[in-house]
Amino acid sequence: MKAWVHVLITPCVWAVVNAGAALIEIDLSPSPGDALSNTNYTLGDHTQGLSALNAVGQPASPATGGEIGAGIYYDDVSNLLTWNIGYGSDHGFVDLAGNFSVAHIHGPVAVQFPSANTGAGVVLGLTHTAGSSGLTGSFSGSSTLSAGAESDLLNNLLYINIHSSFAPGGELRGQLVPVIPEPTSLALISVAGVLGWAMRRRLRR
């Protein structure tokens, strides 16, 4: 298990650093209450990780999905993005309205947190694990990102799209967003880091 020890935030790009690795937690379609650098929440559904209301054309589907297991995280030392995502009733969500066909990570979108009718090209495909029916399933895997894709990820420009027979252009969609800790948490982490540094200096004397 990798331990979080320090957080650095710059406008749009931030990193969480520990001994030997830097893991960044990635969320899906965060709520407006989250601490984010952009607040364009005028359209779509940001209460569900994956929602039809976020998809192009907003198809009339009640389906939902989101993170499962270890969730989604990015190692900015190895450039490895890892995801664990489920959709439909097998994973505690609502089933698709049509059978699953394919899923991708798309981007970069033109602006952060795009409106529901903004699309982008495919960045990479997601390997699908079928569920108890064609309406439910999951994706677990990882991929090394290019420098450009890493920049897009950390600047909130990538999203996940799940396509189905009901909505070939995409039935479920969710934005990939780096999780930014609240200022209080940052202050506590920073203080702990300073105390640890001071203790090491004292022990060396």
Protein backbone atom coordinates (compact mmCIF):
# COMPACT_ATOMS: atom_id res chain seq x y z
CA MET A 1 0.00 0.00 0.00
CA LYS A 2 1.50 3.36 -0.98
CA ALA A 3 1.37 6.13 1.62
CA TRP A 4 0.43 9.73 0.82
CA VAL A 5 2.99 12.17 2.23
CA HIS A 6 2.78 15.52 0.42
CA VAL A 7 0.58 17.38 -2.02
CA LEU A 8 1.57 20.13 -4.45
CA ILE A 9 -1.12 22.05 -6.34
CA THR A 10 -0.57 24.37 -9.29
CA PRO A 11 -3.31 25.81 -11.53
CA CYS A 12 -4.75 22.77 -13.36
CA VAL A 13 -1.88 20.36 -12.56
CA TRP A 14 -1.06 18.81 -9.19
CA ALA A 15 0.86 15.82 -7.90
CA VAL A 16 0.86 13.62 -4.82
CA VAL A 17 4.37 12.44 -3.98
CA ASN A 18 5.59 9.59 -1.81
CA ALA A 19 8.76 7.57 -1.46
CA GLY A 20 9.24 5.93 -4.84
CA ALA A 21 5.92 6.79 -6.52
CA ALA A 22 3.40 9.56 -7.05
CA LEU A 23 -0.22 8.44 -7.03
CA ILE A 24 -3.02 10.76 -8.04
CA GLU A 25 -6.60 9.71 -7.26
CA ILE A 26 -8.98 10.21 -10.19
CA ASP A 27 -12.71 10.81 -9.71
CA LEU A 28 -15.61 10.51 -12.17
CA SER A 29 -17.99 13.48 -12.67
CA PRO A 30 -17.51 15.09 -9.24
CA SER A 31 -20.28 17.00 -7.49
CA PRO A 32 -20.29 20.82 -7.51
CA GLY A 33 -19.18 20.79 -3.86
CA ASP A 34 -15.78 19.30 -4.68
CA ALA A 35 -12.73 21.59 -4.66
CA LEU A 36 -12.02 22.06 -8.36
CA SER A 37 -10.39 24.68 -10.55
CA ASN A 38 -13.38 24.85 -12.90
CA THR A 39 -17.09 25.02 -12.04
CA ASN A 40 -18.95 24.61 -15.35
CA TYR A 41 -21.81 22.50 -13.98
CA THR A 42 -24.62 24.01 -16.07
CA LEU A 43 -25.46 20.77 -17.92
CA GLY A 44 -25.24 17.07 -17.24
CA ASP A 45 -25.34 14.97 -14.06
CA HIS A 46 -22.36 15.31 -11.72
CA THR A 47 -23.92 13.30 -8.90
CA GLN A 48 -23.30 9.97 -10.68
CA GLY A 49 -19.89 8.77 -11.82
CA LEU A 50 -21.27 7.61 -15.17
CA SER A 51 -24.63 8.96 -16.35
CA ALA A 52 -26.66 9.15 -19.56
CA LEU A 53 -27.21 12.84 -18.83
CA ASN A 54 -23.51 13.44 -19.49
CA ALA A 55 -23.54 11.64 -22.86
CA VAL A 56 -23.88 13.31 -26.25
CA GLY A 57 -27.59 13.92 -26.90
CA GLN A 58 -28.46 12.87 -23.34
CA PRO A 59 -30.15 9.55 -24.29
CA ALA A 60 -33.30 8.72 -22.30
CA SER A 61 -31.68 6.05 -20.15
CA PRO A 62 -31.70 5.64 -16.34
CA ALA A 63 -28.42 3.67 -16.50
CA THR A 64 -25.57 4.51 -14.13
CA GLY A 65 -22.04 3.35 -13.37
CA GLY A 66 -18.95 4.38 -11.45
CA GLU A 67 -15.74 3.37 -9.74
CA ILE A 68 -15.48 -0.05 -8.08
CA GLY A 69 -12.76 -1.75 -6.03
CA ALA A 70 -9.55 0.28 -5.99
CA GLY A 71 -11.10 2.92 -8.24
CA ILE A 72 -9.09 5.02 -10.69
CA TYR A 73 -5.60 6.38 -10.07
CA TYR A 74 -2.60 7.70 -11.97
CA ASP A 75 1.11 7.20 -11.23
CA ASP A 76 2.88 10.27 -12.60
CA VAL A 77 6.31 8.65 -12.22
CA SER A 78 5.57 5.62 -14.43
CA ASN A 79 2.80 7.46 -16.36
CA LEU A 80 0.48 4.50 -15.68
CA LEU A 81 -3.28 5.11 -15.51
CA THR A 82 -5.21 2.31 -13.75
CA TRP A 83 -8.98 1.96 -13.72
CA ASN A 84 -11.63 -0.20 -12.04
CA ILE A 85 -15.12 0.73 -13.25
CA GLY A 86 -18.49 -0.98 -13.14
CA TYR A 87 -21.93 -0.30 -14.58
CA GLY A 88 -25.34 -1.89 -14.20
CA SER A 89 -26.94 -4.02 -11.51
CA ASP A 90 -24.02 -6.45 -11.01
CA HIS A 91 -22.13 -3.58 -9.37
CA GLY A 92 -24.91 -1.76 -7.55
CA PHE A 93 -25.83 0.59 -10.39
CA VAL A 94 -28.71 0.76 -12.90
CA ASP A 95 -28.58 -1.43 -16.04
CA LEU A 96 -28.02 -0.07 -19.53
CA ALA A 97 -31.09 0.41 -21.73
CA GLY A 98 -29.36 -1.52 -24.53
CA ASN A 99 -26.66 -4.19 -24.77
CA PHE A 100 -23.08 -3.05 -24.24
CA SER A 101 -21.03 -2.61 -27.42
CA VAL A 102 -17.71 -0.84 -26.66
CA ALA A 103 -16.12 1.66 -24.25
CA HIS A 104 -13.31 4.21 -24.56
CA ILE A 105 -11.48 7.02 -22.88
CA HIS A 106 -11.98 10.09 -25.08
CA GLY A 107 -10.28 13.49 -25.30
CA PRO A 108 -9.09 16.09 -25.24
CA VAL A 109 -12.32 18.06 -25.03
CA ALA A 110 -12.24 21.73 -26.01
CA VAL A 111 -12.89 23.00 -22.46
CA GLN A 112 -12.80 21.61 -18.93
CA PHE A 113 -16.02 19.90 -17.83
CA PRO A 114 -17.71 20.22 -21.21
CA SER A 115 -21.41 20.62 -21.75
CA ALA A 116 -23.35 17.45 -22.60
CA ASN A 117 -23.06 17.90 -26.40
CA THR A 118 -19.25 18.23 -26.53
CA GLY A 119 -17.40 15.17 -27.84
CA ALA A 120 -13.77 14.25 -28.59
CA GLY A 121 -11.76 11.49 -30.24
CA VAL A 122 -10.73 8.12 -28.77
CA VAL A 123 -7.60 8.07 -26.61
CA LEU A 124 -7.69 4.36 -25.70
CA GLY A 125 -10.09 1.44 -25.51
CA LEU A 126 -11.26 -0.24 -22.31
CA THR A 127 -11.18 -4.03 -21.98
CA HIS A 128 -14.67 -5.24 -21.05
CA THR A 129 -15.65 -7.97 -18.60
CA ALA A 130 -19.21 -9.12 -19.31
CA GLY A 131 -21.68 -9.37 -16.45
CA SER A 132 -24.75 -11.51 -15.88
CA SER A 133 -26.39 -9.89 -18.91
CA GLY A 134 -25.48 -7.59 -21.79
CA LEU A 135 -26.71 -4.65 -19.70
CA THR A 136 -24.11 -4.86 -16.93
CA GLY A 137 -20.35 -5.34 -16.73
CA SER A 138 -17.01 -3.86 -15.73
CA PHE A 139 -13.59 -2.63 -16.88
CA SER A 140 -10.30 -3.16 -15.08
CA GLY A 141 -6.93 -2.42 -16.60
CA SER A 142 -4.09 0.02 -17.01
CA SER A 143 -2.24 1.88 -19.74
CA THR A 144 0.87 4.03 -19.99
CA LEU A 145 -0.08 7.53 -21.11
CA SER A 146 1.89 9.71 -23.49
CA ALA A 147 3.04 13.13 -22.28
CA GLY A 148 0.15 14.72 -24.16
CA ALA A 149 -2.46 12.36 -22.70
CA GLU A 150 -1.04 12.90 -19.21
CA SER A 151 -1.40 16.67 -19.62
CA ASP A 152 -4.99 16.21 -20.82
CA LEU A 153 -5.81 13.96 -17.85
CA LEU A 154 -4.38 16.36 -15.27
CA ASN A 155 -6.13 19.30 -16.92
CA ASN A 156 -9.59 17.62 -16.75
CA LEU A 157 -9.89 17.07 -20.52
CA LEU A 158 -10.54 13.29 -20.69
CA TYR A 159 -13.78 11.35 -20.20
CA ILE A 160 -15.09 7.77 -20.27
CA ASN A 161 -17.84 6.84 -22.72
CA ILE A 162 -19.77 3.54 -22.71
CA HIS A 163 -21.55 2.76 -25.99
CA SER A 164 -24.55 0.44 -26.35
CA SER A 165 -27.12 -0.74 -28.89
CA PHE A 166 -29.57 1.74 -27.35
CA ALA A 167 -27.18 4.68 -27.79
CA PRO A 168 -24.40 3.85 -30.30
CA GLY A 169 -22.83 7.27 -29.74
CA GLY A 170 -22.61 6.64 -26.01
CA GLU A 171 -25.13 5.75 -23.30
CA LEU A 172 -22.99 6.50 -20.24
CA ARG A 173 -20.34 9.17 -19.80
CA GLY A 174 -18.24 10.54 -16.95
CA GLN A 175 -15.42 13.08 -16.79
CA LEU A 176 -12.04 11.96 -15.41
CA VAL A 177 -11.03 14.50 -12.76
CA PRO A 178 -7.97 14.57 -10.44
CA VAL A 179 -9.16 14.78 -6.82
CA ILE A 180 -7.94 17.93 -5.09
CA PRO A 181 -7.86 17.69 -1.26
CA GLU A 182 -9.57 20.40 0.78
CA PRO A 183 -7.30 23.26 2.01
CA THR A 184 -7.52 22.00 5.63
CA SER A 185 -6.23 18.59 4.59
CA LEU A 186 -3.41 20.20 2.61
CA ALA A 187 -2.38 22.25 5.62
CA LEU A 188 -2.28 19.19 7.88
CA ILE A 189 -0.27 17.20 5.33
CA SER A 190 2.19 20.08 4.91
CA VAL A 191 2.63 20.48 8.68
CA ALA A 192 3.28 16.75 9.03
CA GLY A 193 5.89 16.97 6.29
CA VAL A 194 7.68 19.88 7.96
CA LEU A 195 7.67 18.13 11.36
CA GLY A 196 9.09 14.99 9.80
CA TRP A 197 11.85 16.99 8.10
CA ALA A 198 12.70 18.76 11.38
CA MET A 199 12.81 15.46 13.27
CA ARG A 200 15.21 13.95 10.73
CA ARG A 201 17.51 16.98 11.03
CA ARG A 202 17.50 16.67 14.82
CA LEU A 203 18.33 12.96 14.75
CA ARG A 204 21.28 13.61 12.46
CA ARG A 205 22.92 15.99 14.97
